[in-house]
Amino acid sequence: MKKAKEILGGLWKIYVFIWFTIILLLLYPFYLFFLLNEKHFNKGFKLLLVHTGVLMYLVGIFMQVKNKHYIKKGQAYVITPNHTSYLDIVILYQTFTQYFVFMGKNELASVPVFNIFFKKMNIPVNRASASSGKRAMDRCGQELDKGHSVVLFPEGTIPKDVPNMLKFKNGAFKLAIEKQVPVLPITFFTNYKRLEMAGLFSGKAGPGIAKAVIHEPIPTKGMTQEDLVSLREKVFSIINNELSAYSLNN
């Protein structure tokens, strides 16, 4: 039974990849125009909202988001979701719909066609390079100065035993304190069930509900770097407690 589910999941992954590729190729000329000039980035972002929404509909993933009222229009945030799946970014565009940029691993910037999102708008980082990390964080700071939210996965990578989380890194919280902008924790519950880190015909995969909770923003005004660890642990606890409660009830 398990193997049958994994085979069906693998076929669904192929189906998702096909639709992802078709839609991306159809929209690529528009992305090429919008994402190579900063004055058009907002239009490119709006196209991404449509793009990801259509993709999710076609592959049978539907959103269930709580507490969108916490998001204040025009406010820049350091957004800190737990990292559970390759689908996190796609689903994030349907969770937080105001303009944002995100930091992603450098390898994404070398994927043909897809790398259009990392040429100028989003921020690639080589985690093995301290200088690359500094450049990426400097760029995040510049985006916050412009009033744009930034997304950093504080775990840095997807854990092998999702939904359990890895220890959070300091970068997102150091940045939020330096720029005195609120931290916005987001908990993803079921993304890994939609697409788990595994081979083509192994692991969980399939259509269904993508559940997320947006937590109350944590202000950082008046904080200093001495507050960094307590802020980091507070955000970890908020997300981890939500995951634990969900696990007990499902």
C-alpha atoms as a PDB file:
ATOM      1  CA  MET A   1       0.000   0.000   0.000  1.00  0.00           C
ATOM      2  CA  LYS A   2       2.808   2.381   0.931  1.00  0.00           C
ATOM      3  CA  LYS A   3       4.685   1.642  -2.300  1.00  0.00           C
ATOM      4  CA  ALA A   4       1.532   2.187  -4.347  1.00  0.00           C
ATOM      5  CA  LYS A   5       1.100   5.594  -2.710  1.00  0.00           C
ATOM      6  CA  GLU A   6       4.731   6.451  -3.459  1.00  0.00           C
ATOM      7  CA  ILE A   7       4.297   5.483  -7.124  1.00  0.00           C
ATOM      8  CA  LEU A   8       1.170   7.631  -7.365  1.00  0.00           C
ATOM      9  CA  GLY A   9       3.077  10.413  -5.598  1.00  0.00           C
ATOM     10  CA  GLY A  10       5.887  10.115  -8.131  1.00  0.00           C
ATOM     11  CA  LEU A  11       3.439  10.416 -11.021  1.00  0.00           C
ATOM     12  CA  TRP A  12       1.962  13.491  -9.336  1.00  0.00           C
ATOM     13  CA  LYS A  13       5.451  15.017  -9.009  1.00  0.00           C
ATOM     14  CA  ILE A  14       5.946  14.550 -12.756  1.00  0.00           C
ATOM     15  CA  TYR A  15       2.545  16.156 -13.363  1.00  0.00           C
ATOM     16  CA  VAL A  16       3.508  19.131 -11.161  1.00  0.00           C
ATOM     17  CA  PHE A  17       6.856  19.521 -12.928  1.00  0.00           C
ATOM     18  CA  ILE A  18       5.197  19.476 -16.343  1.00  0.00           C
ATOM     19  CA  TRP A  19       2.700  22.170 -15.387  1.00  0.00           C
ATOM     20  CA  PHE A  20       5.379  24.223 -13.630  1.00  0.00           C
ATOM     21  CA  THR A  21       7.522  24.124 -16.769  1.00  0.00           C
ATOM     22  CA  ILE A  22       4.675  24.885 -19.182  1.00  0.00           C
ATOM     23  CA  ILE A  23       3.452  27.891 -17.207  1.00  0.00           C
ATOM     24  CA  LEU A  24       6.977  29.218 -16.626  1.00  0.00           C
ATOM     25  CA  LEU A  25       7.829  28.986 -20.336  1.00  0.00           C
ATOM     26  CA  LEU A  26       4.565  30.694 -21.312  1.00  0.00           C
ATOM     27  CA  LEU A  27       5.180  33.541 -18.868  1.00  0.00           C
ATOM     28  CA  TYR A  28       8.941  33.761 -19.375  1.00  0.00           C
ATOM     29  CA  PRO A  29       8.854  36.660 -21.889  1.00  0.00           C
ATOM     30  CA  PHE A  30       6.871  38.714 -19.352  1.00  0.00           C
ATOM     31  CA  TYR A  31       9.246  37.783 -16.514  1.00  0.00           C
ATOM     32  CA  LEU A  32      12.176  38.673 -18.738  1.00  0.00           C
ATOM     33  CA  PHE A  33      10.740  42.156 -19.161  1.00  0.00           C
ATOM     34  CA  PHE A  34       9.556  42.689 -15.578  1.00  0.00           C
ATOM     35  CA  LEU A  35      12.462  41.207 -13.628  1.00  0.00           C
ATOM     36  CA  LEU A  36      15.416  42.793 -15.364  1.00  0.00           C
ATOM     37  CA  ASN A  37      14.462  46.334 -14.392  1.00  0.00           C
ATOM     38  CA  GLU A  38      13.763  47.222 -10.759  1.00  0.00           C
ATOM     39  CA  LYS A  39      10.984  49.654 -11.615  1.00  0.00           C
ATOM     40  CA  HIS A  40       8.959  46.696 -12.907  1.00  0.00           C
ATOM     41  CA  PHE A  41       9.678  44.264 -10.048  1.00  0.00           C
ATOM     42  CA  ASN A  42       6.283  44.853  -8.465  1.00  0.00           C
ATOM     43  CA  LYS A  43       4.576  43.818 -11.713  1.00  0.00           C
ATOM     44  CA  GLY A  44       6.765  40.732 -11.835  1.00  0.00           C
ATOM     45  CA  PHE A  45       5.752  39.946  -8.259  1.00  0.00           C
ATOM     46  CA  LYS A  46       2.049  40.283  -9.107  1.00  0.00           C
ATOM     47  CA  LEU A  47       2.587  37.925 -12.017  1.00  0.00           C
ATOM     48  CA  LEU A  48       4.178  35.463  -9.585  1.00  0.00           C
ATOM     49  CA  LEU A  49       1.047  35.630  -7.429  1.00  0.00           C
ATOM     50  CA  VAL A  50      -1.073  34.680 -10.446  1.00  0.00           C
ATOM     51  CA  HIS A  51       1.470  32.104 -11.627  1.00  0.00           C
ATOM     52  CA  THR A  52       1.673  30.271  -8.299  1.00  0.00           C
ATOM     53  CA  GLY A  53      -2.073  30.480  -7.762  1.00  0.00           C
ATOM     54  CA  VAL A  54      -2.811  28.898 -11.153  1.00  0.00           C
ATOM     55  CA  LEU A  55      -0.153  26.225 -10.631  1.00  0.00           C
ATOM     56  CA  MET A  56      -1.535  25.248  -7.238  1.00  0.00           C
ATOM     57  CA  TYR A  57      -5.075  25.074  -8.618  1.00  0.00           C
ATOM     58  CA  LEU A  58      -4.031  22.867 -11.532  1.00  0.00           C
ATOM     59  CA  VAL A  59      -2.123  20.422  -9.306  1.00  0.00           C
ATOM     60  CA  GLY A  60      -4.775  20.332  -6.590  1.00  0.00           C
ATOM     61  CA  ILE A  61      -3.156  22.242  -3.730  1.00  0.00           C
ATOM     62  CA  PHE A  62      -5.487  24.578  -1.859  1.00  0.00           C
ATOM     63  CA  MET A  63      -4.586  27.123   0.808  1.00  0.00           C
ATOM     64  CA  GLN A  64      -5.845  27.390   4.362  1.00  0.00           C
ATOM     65  CA  VAL A  65      -4.255  30.433   5.987  1.00  0.00           C
ATOM     66  CA  LYS A  66      -5.070  31.816   9.432  1.00  0.00           C
ATOM     67  CA  ASN A  67      -4.461  35.333  10.767  1.00  0.00           C
ATOM     68  CA  LYS A  68      -3.879  37.299   7.570  1.00  0.00           C
ATOM     69  CA  HIS A  69      -5.199  40.279   9.546  1.00  0.00           C
ATOM     70  CA  TYR A  70      -1.813  40.516  11.273  1.00  0.00           C
ATOM     71  CA  ILE A  71      -0.223  41.751   8.039  1.00  0.00           C
ATOM     72  CA  LYS A  72      -0.187  45.536   7.926  1.00  0.00           C
ATOM     73  CA  LYS A  73      -0.223  47.061   4.465  1.00  0.00           C
ATOM     74  CA  GLY A  74       2.985  48.919   3.654  1.00  0.00           C
ATOM     75  CA  GLN A  75       4.901  47.481   6.616  1.00  0.00           C
ATOM     76  CA  ALA A  76       8.215  45.765   5.922  1.00  0.00           C
ATOM     77  CA  TYR A  77       8.844  42.531   7.821  1.00  0.00           C
ATOM     78  CA  VAL A  78      11.578  39.982   8.241  1.00  0.00           C
ATOM     79  CA  ILE A  79       9.472  36.904   7.497  1.00  0.00           C
ATOM     80  CA  THR A  80      10.676  33.708   9.170  1.00  0.00           C
ATOM     81  CA  PRO A  81       8.802  30.531   8.163  1.00  0.00           C
ATOM     82  CA  ASN A  82       9.802  27.006   9.086  1.00  0.00           C
ATOM     83  CA  HIS A  83      11.298  25.195   6.087  1.00  0.00           C
ATOM     84  CA  THR A  84       9.567  21.934   5.203  1.00  0.00           C
ATOM     85  CA  SER A  85       9.484  21.413   1.434  1.00  0.00           C
ATOM     86  CA  TYR A  86      10.560  22.685  -1.971  1.00  0.00           C
ATOM     87  CA  LEU A  87       6.956  23.899  -2.231  1.00  0.00           C
ATOM     88  CA  ASP A  88       7.404  26.403   0.616  1.00  0.00           C
ATOM     89  CA  ILE A  89       8.256  29.309  -1.684  1.00  0.00           C
ATOM     90  CA  VAL A  90       5.408  28.604  -4.114  1.00  0.00           C
ATOM     91  CA  ILE A  91       2.984  28.397  -1.198  1.00  0.00           C
ATOM     92  CA  LEU A  92       4.462  31.486   0.450  1.00  0.00           C
ATOM     93  CA  TYR A  93       3.321  33.595  -2.509  1.00  0.00           C
ATOM     94  CA  GLN A  94      -0.240  32.583  -1.635  1.00  0.00           C
ATOM     95  CA  THR A  95       0.296  33.125   2.107  1.00  0.00           C
ATOM     96  CA  PHE A  96       1.919  36.571   2.154  1.00  0.00           C
ATOM     97  CA  THR A  97       0.767  38.545  -0.871  1.00  0.00           C
ATOM     98  CA  GLN A  98       2.526  41.889  -0.359  1.00  0.00           C
ATOM     99  CA  TYR A  99       5.787  42.403  -2.236  1.00  0.00           C
ATOM    100  CA  PHE A 100       8.746  40.551  -0.766  1.00  0.00           C
ATOM    101  CA  VAL A 101      12.085  39.146  -1.807  1.00  0.00           C
ATOM    102  CA  PHE A 102      13.609  35.972  -0.447  1.00  0.00           C
ATOM    103  CA  MET A 103      17.054  34.598   0.102  1.00  0.00           C
ATOM    104  CA  GLY A 104      17.643  31.238  -1.571  1.00  0.00           C
ATOM    105  CA  LYS A 105      20.552  28.895  -2.086  1.00  0.00           C
ATOM    106  CA  ASN A 106      22.994  29.857  -4.806  1.00  0.00           C
ATOM    107  CA  GLU A 107      22.251  26.721  -6.845  1.00  0.00           C
ATOM    108  CA  LEU A 108      18.854  28.143  -7.797  1.00  0.00           C
ATOM    109  CA  ALA A 109      20.564  30.978  -9.641  1.00  0.00           C
ATOM    110  CA  SER A 110      22.174  28.474 -12.010  1.00  0.00           C
ATOM    111  CA  VAL A 111      18.976  26.662 -13.084  1.00  0.00           C
ATOM    112  CA  PRO A 112      18.205  27.617 -16.713  1.00  0.00           C
ATOM    113  CA  VAL A 113      15.067  29.767 -17.191  1.00  0.00           C
ATOM    114  CA  PHE A 114      14.209  29.589 -13.471  1.00  0.00           C
ATOM    115  CA  ASN A 115      17.274  31.714 -12.700  1.00  0.00           C
ATOM    116  CA  ILE A 116      15.408  34.777 -14.000  1.00  0.00           C
ATOM    117  CA  PHE A 117      14.044  35.139 -10.449  1.00  0.00           C
ATOM    118  CA  PHE A 118      17.575  35.437  -9.057  1.00  0.00           C
ATOM    119  CA  LYS A 119      19.219  37.721 -11.598  1.00  0.00           C
ATOM    120  CA  LYS A 120      18.122  40.903  -9.819  1.00  0.00           C
ATOM    121  CA  MET A 121      15.002  40.462  -7.674  1.00  0.00           C
ATOM    122  CA  ASN A 122      15.588  37.605  -5.229  1.00  0.00           C
ATOM    123  CA  ILE A 123      18.836  37.057  -3.351  1.00  0.00           C
ATOM    124  CA  PRO A 124      21.120  34.052  -3.953  1.00  0.00           C
ATOM    125  CA  VAL A 125      23.565  33.004  -1.245  1.00  0.00           C
ATOM    126  CA  ASN A 126      26.373  30.485  -1.070  1.00  0.00           C
ATOM    127  CA  ARG A 127      26.079  29.175   2.482  1.00  0.00           C
ATOM    128  CA  ALA A 128      29.651  27.900   2.411  1.00  0.00           C
ATOM    129  CA  SER A 129      31.045  31.389   1.743  1.00  0.00           C
ATOM    130  CA  ALA A 130      31.194  34.030   4.480  1.00  0.00           C
ATOM    131  CA  SER A 131      31.625  36.804   1.903  1.00  0.00           C
ATOM    132  CA  SER A 132      28.578  35.611  -0.058  1.00  0.00           C
ATOM    133  CA  GLY A 133      26.582  35.496   3.167  1.00  0.00           C
ATOM    134  CA  LYS A 134      27.581  39.062   4.021  1.00  0.00           C
ATOM    135  CA  ARG A 135      26.672  40.333   0.550  1.00  0.00           C
ATOM    136  CA  ALA A 136      23.302  38.599   0.762  1.00  0.00           C
ATOM    137  CA  MET A 137      22.536  40.065   4.196  1.00  0.00           C
ATOM    138  CA  ASP A 138      23.607  43.523   3.024  1.00  0.00           C
ATOM    139  CA  ARG A 139      21.202  43.191   0.127  1.00  0.00           C
ATOM    140  CA  CYS A 140      18.425  42.123   2.519  1.00  0.00           C
ATOM    141  CA  GLY A 141      19.114  45.261   4.533  1.00  0.00           C
ATOM    142  CA  GLN A 142      18.838  47.389   1.402  1.00  0.00           C
ATOM    143  CA  GLU A 143      15.484  45.845   0.574  1.00  0.00           C
ATOM    144  CA  LEU A 144      14.178  46.577   4.069  1.00  0.00           C
ATOM    145  CA  ASP A 145      15.396  50.167   3.707  1.00  0.00           C
ATOM    146  CA  LYS A 146      13.219  50.397   0.583  1.00  0.00           C
ATOM    147  CA  GLY A 147      10.219  49.215   2.603  1.00  0.00           C
ATOM    148  CA  HIS A 148      10.241  45.682   1.154  1.00  0.00           C
ATOM    149  CA  SER A 149       9.762  42.586   3.270  1.00  0.00           C
ATOM    150  CA  VAL A 150      12.376  39.842   3.098  1.00  0.00           C
ATOM    151  CA  VAL A 151      11.973  36.108   3.674  1.00  0.00           C
ATOM    152  CA  LEU A 152      14.711  34.130   5.380  1.00  0.00           C
ATOM    153  CA  PHE A 153      14.256  30.529   6.449  1.00  0.00           C
ATOM    154  CA  PRO A 154      15.995  30.618   9.839  1.00  0.00           C
ATOM    155  CA  GLU A 155      16.813  26.896   9.714  1.00  0.00           C
ATOM    156  CA  GLY A 156      18.880  27.538   6.591  1.00  0.00           C
ATOM    157  CA  THR A 157      17.806  24.279   4.941  1.00  0.00           C
ATOM    158  CA  ILE A 158      15.063  21.651   4.984  1.00  0.00           C
ATOM    159  CA  PRO A 159      15.475  19.231   7.926  1.00  0.00           C
ATOM    160  CA  LYS A 160      15.754  15.526   7.201  1.00  0.00           C
ATOM    161  CA  ASP A 161      13.107  14.725   9.827  1.00  0.00           C
ATOM    162  CA  VAL A 162      10.445  17.297   8.949  1.00  0.00           C
ATOM    163  CA  PRO A 163       8.237  18.504  10.622  1.00  0.00           C
ATOM    164  CA  ASN A 164      10.858  18.656  13.386  1.00  0.00           C
ATOM    165  CA  MET A 165      12.883  21.842  13.070  1.00  0.00           C
ATOM    166  CA  LEU A 166      16.594  22.498  13.033  1.00  0.00           C
ATOM    167  CA  LYS A 167      18.136  25.021  15.380  1.00  0.00           C
ATOM    168  CA  PHE A 168      17.566  28.542  14.087  1.00  0.00           C
ATOM    169  CA  LYS A 169      20.476  30.580  12.772  1.00  0.00           C
ATOM    170  CA  ASN A 170      21.037  34.179  13.864  1.00  0.00           C
ATOM    171  CA  GLY A 171      20.945  36.006  10.522  1.00  0.00           C
ATOM    172  CA  ALA A 172      17.250  36.851  10.235  1.00  0.00           C
ATOM    173  CA  PHE A 173      17.039  38.124  13.801  1.00  0.00           C
ATOM    174  CA  LYS A 174      20.266  40.106  13.635  1.00  0.00           C
ATOM    175  CA  LEU A 175      18.919  41.771  10.489  1.00  0.00           C
ATOM    176  CA  ALA A 176      15.533  42.575  12.053  1.00  0.00           C
ATOM    177  CA  ILE A 177      17.198  44.179  15.081  1.00  0.00           C
ATOM    178  CA  GLU A 178      19.645  46.182  12.967  1.00  0.00           C
ATOM    179  CA  LYS A 179      16.826  47.548  10.820  1.00  0.00           C
ATOM    180  CA  GLN A 180      14.317  47.774  13.703  1.00  0.00           C
ATOM    181  CA  VAL A 181      11.597  46.048  11.695  1.00  0.00           C
ATOM    182  CA  PRO A 182       9.139  43.442  13.005  1.00  0.00           C
ATOM    183  CA  VAL A 183       9.738  39.727  12.705  1.00  0.00           C
ATOM    184  CA  LEU A 184       6.793  37.849  11.213  1.00  0.00           C
ATOM    185  CA  PRO A 185       6.814  34.125  12.088  1.00  0.00           C
ATOM    186  CA  ILE A 186       4.864  31.783   9.820  1.00  0.00           C
ATOM    187  CA  THR A 187       4.158  28.128  10.545  1.00  0.00           C
ATOM    188  CA  PHE A 188       3.748  25.703   7.648  1.00  0.00           C
ATOM    189  CA  PHE A 189       2.043  22.487   8.740  1.00  0.00           C
ATOM    190  CA  THR A 190       1.430  20.289   5.709  1.00  0.00           C
ATOM    191  CA  ASN A 191       3.735  21.414   2.898  1.00  0.00           C
ATOM    192  CA  TYR A 192       5.978  18.395   3.420  1.00  0.00           C
ATOM    193  CA  LYS A 193       2.949  16.137   2.991  1.00  0.00           C
ATOM    194  CA  ARG A 194       2.292  17.756  -0.373  1.00  0.00           C
ATOM    195  CA  LEU A 195       5.936  17.278  -1.425  1.00  0.00           C
ATOM    196  CA  GLU A 196       8.401  15.578   0.890  1.00  0.00           C
ATOM    197  CA  MET A 197      12.195  15.656   0.492  1.00  0.00           C
ATOM    198  CA  ALA A 198      12.739  12.262  -1.143  1.00  0.00           C
ATOM    199  CA  GLY A 199      13.325  10.566  -4.481  1.00  0.00           C
ATOM    200  CA  LEU A 200      10.904  10.585  -7.397  1.00  0.00           C
ATOM    201  CA  PHE A 201       9.010   7.494  -6.254  1.00  0.00           C
ATOM    202  CA  SER A 202       9.539   7.748  -2.518  1.00  0.00           C
ATOM    203  CA  GLY A 203       8.256   9.944   0.296  1.00  0.00           C
ATOM    204  CA  LYS A 204       4.948  11.727   0.734  1.00  0.00           C
ATOM    205  CA  ALA A 205       3.550  13.614  -2.262  1.00  0.00           C
ATOM    206  CA  GLY A 206       0.134  14.516  -3.561  1.00  0.00           C
ATOM    207  CA  PRO A 207      -2.608  17.116  -3.762  1.00  0.00           C
ATOM    208  CA  GLY A 208      -4.453  18.427  -0.724  1.00  0.00           C
ATOM    209  CA  ILE A 209      -4.615  21.315   1.720  1.00  0.00           C
ATOM    210  CA  ALA A 210      -1.593  23.496   2.463  1.00  0.00           C
ATOM    211  CA  LYS A 211      -2.114  24.848   5.967  1.00  0.00           C
ATOM    212  CA  ALA A 212      -0.344  27.887   7.380  1.00  0.00           C
ATOM    213  CA  VAL A 213      -0.628  30.210  10.358  1.00  0.00           C
ATOM    214  CA  ILE A 214       0.640  33.783  10.335  1.00  0.00           C
ATOM    215  CA  HIS A 215       1.678  34.751  13.845  1.00  0.00           C
ATOM    216  CA  GLU A 216       1.488  38.149  15.459  1.00  0.00           C
ATOM    217  CA  PRO A 217       4.466  40.275  14.375  1.00  0.00           C
ATOM    218  CA  ILE A 218       7.180  40.728  16.989  1.00  0.00           C
ATOM    219  CA  PRO A 219       8.379  44.346  17.159  1.00  0.00           C
ATOM    220  CA  THR A 220      12.112  44.945  17.438  1.00  0.00           C
ATOM    221  CA  LYS A 221      12.141  48.697  18.060  1.00  0.00           C
ATOM    222  CA  GLY A 222      14.438  49.411  20.970  1.00  0.00           C
ATOM    223  CA  MET A 223      16.088  45.988  20.774  1.00  0.00           C
ATOM    224  CA  THR A 224      19.853  45.650  20.541  1.00  0.00           C
ATOM    225  CA  GLN A 225      22.070  42.732  19.555  1.00  0.00           C
ATOM    226  CA  GLU A 226      21.967  41.669  23.197  1.00  0.00           C
ATOM    227  CA  ASP A 227      18.348  40.692  22.542  1.00  0.00           C
ATOM    228  CA  LEU A 228      19.231  38.542  19.528  1.00  0.00           C
ATOM    229  CA  VAL A 229      19.253  35.138  21.237  1.00  0.00           C
ATOM    230  CA  SER A 230      16.033  35.737  23.146  1.00  0.00           C
ATOM    231  CA  LEU A 231      14.313  36.933  19.944  1.00  0.00           C
ATOM    232  CA  ARG A 232      15.561  33.906  18.024  1.00  0.00           C
ATOM    233  CA  GLU A 233      14.388  31.502  20.729  1.00  0.00           C
ATOM    234  CA  LYS A 234      11.038  33.246  21.028  1.00  0.00           C
ATOM    235  CA  VAL A 235      10.330  32.801  17.320  1.00  0.00           C
ATOM    236  CA  PHE A 236      11.499  29.176  17.457  1.00  0.00           C
ATOM    237  CA  SER A 237       9.149  28.501  20.380  1.00  0.00           C
ATOM    238  CA  ILE A 238       6.175  30.146  18.670  1.00  0.00           C
ATOM    239  CA  ILE A 239       6.532  27.986  15.571  1.00  0.00           C
ATOM    240  CA  ASN A 240       7.532  24.815  17.416  1.00  0.00           C
ATOM    241  CA  ASN A 241       4.625  25.070  19.864  1.00  0.00           C
ATOM    242  CA  GLU A 242       2.223  25.490  16.954  1.00  0.00           C
ATOM    243  CA  LEU A 243       3.659  22.413  15.237  1.00  0.00           C
ATOM    244  CA  SER A 244       3.431  20.394  18.438  1.00  0.00           C
ATOM    245  CA  ALA A 245      -0.187  21.376  19.028  1.00  0.00           C
ATOM    246  CA  TYR A 246      -1.072  20.490  15.438  1.00  0.00           C
ATOM    247  CA  SER A 247       0.644  17.114  15.755  1.00  0.00           C
ATOM    248  CA  LEU A 248      -1.328  16.264  18.888  1.00  0.00           C
ATOM    249  CA  ASN A 249      -4.644  17.122  17.252  1.00  0.00           C
ATOM    250  CA  ASN A 250      -4.103  15.473  13.871  1.00  0.00           C
END
